[in-house]
Amino acid sequence: MEEILSIIFNGINQVEELKFNLSAQESPESLSSSLGSISTLFRDANERLGTLLERKNAFVPNQPEPKPVQVSGLDQMMMQIEPGLKQDHRVREGVKSIDSGPGCAFSTPRPRRRYVKD
């Protein structure tokens, strides 16, 4: 990776040098040569990064695909009637978990206790 970064920095330095020395009197051949050299450096760095990514991805084990969420028949029917219900349901479920209080491990609010006087 250090070698790739070195190539990139070398390309950046060449761009800065070209920018500093750029003038209207520069010959098209000279400009073309400079740009070709810079392009070659960045292309080489990009190819090496691609190779590095291929190697990295080859060692990552294939992860199983996520299982689809089961939807009840009633929920399915309601979503067919009103496509926006699916999003509304998510919003309501999010509110439930927020309303359950800070630090609470449950997703639904606990029932309140009623104290009866003797």
Foldseek 3Di string as FASTA:
>chain_A
DVVLVVLVVVLVVLVVVCVVPDDPPDDPVVVVVSVVVSVVSVVVSVVVVVVVVVVVVVPDDDDDDDDDDDDDPVRVVVCVVPVCVVVVVVVVQVVQQVVCDPPDPDSHHDDDDDDDDD
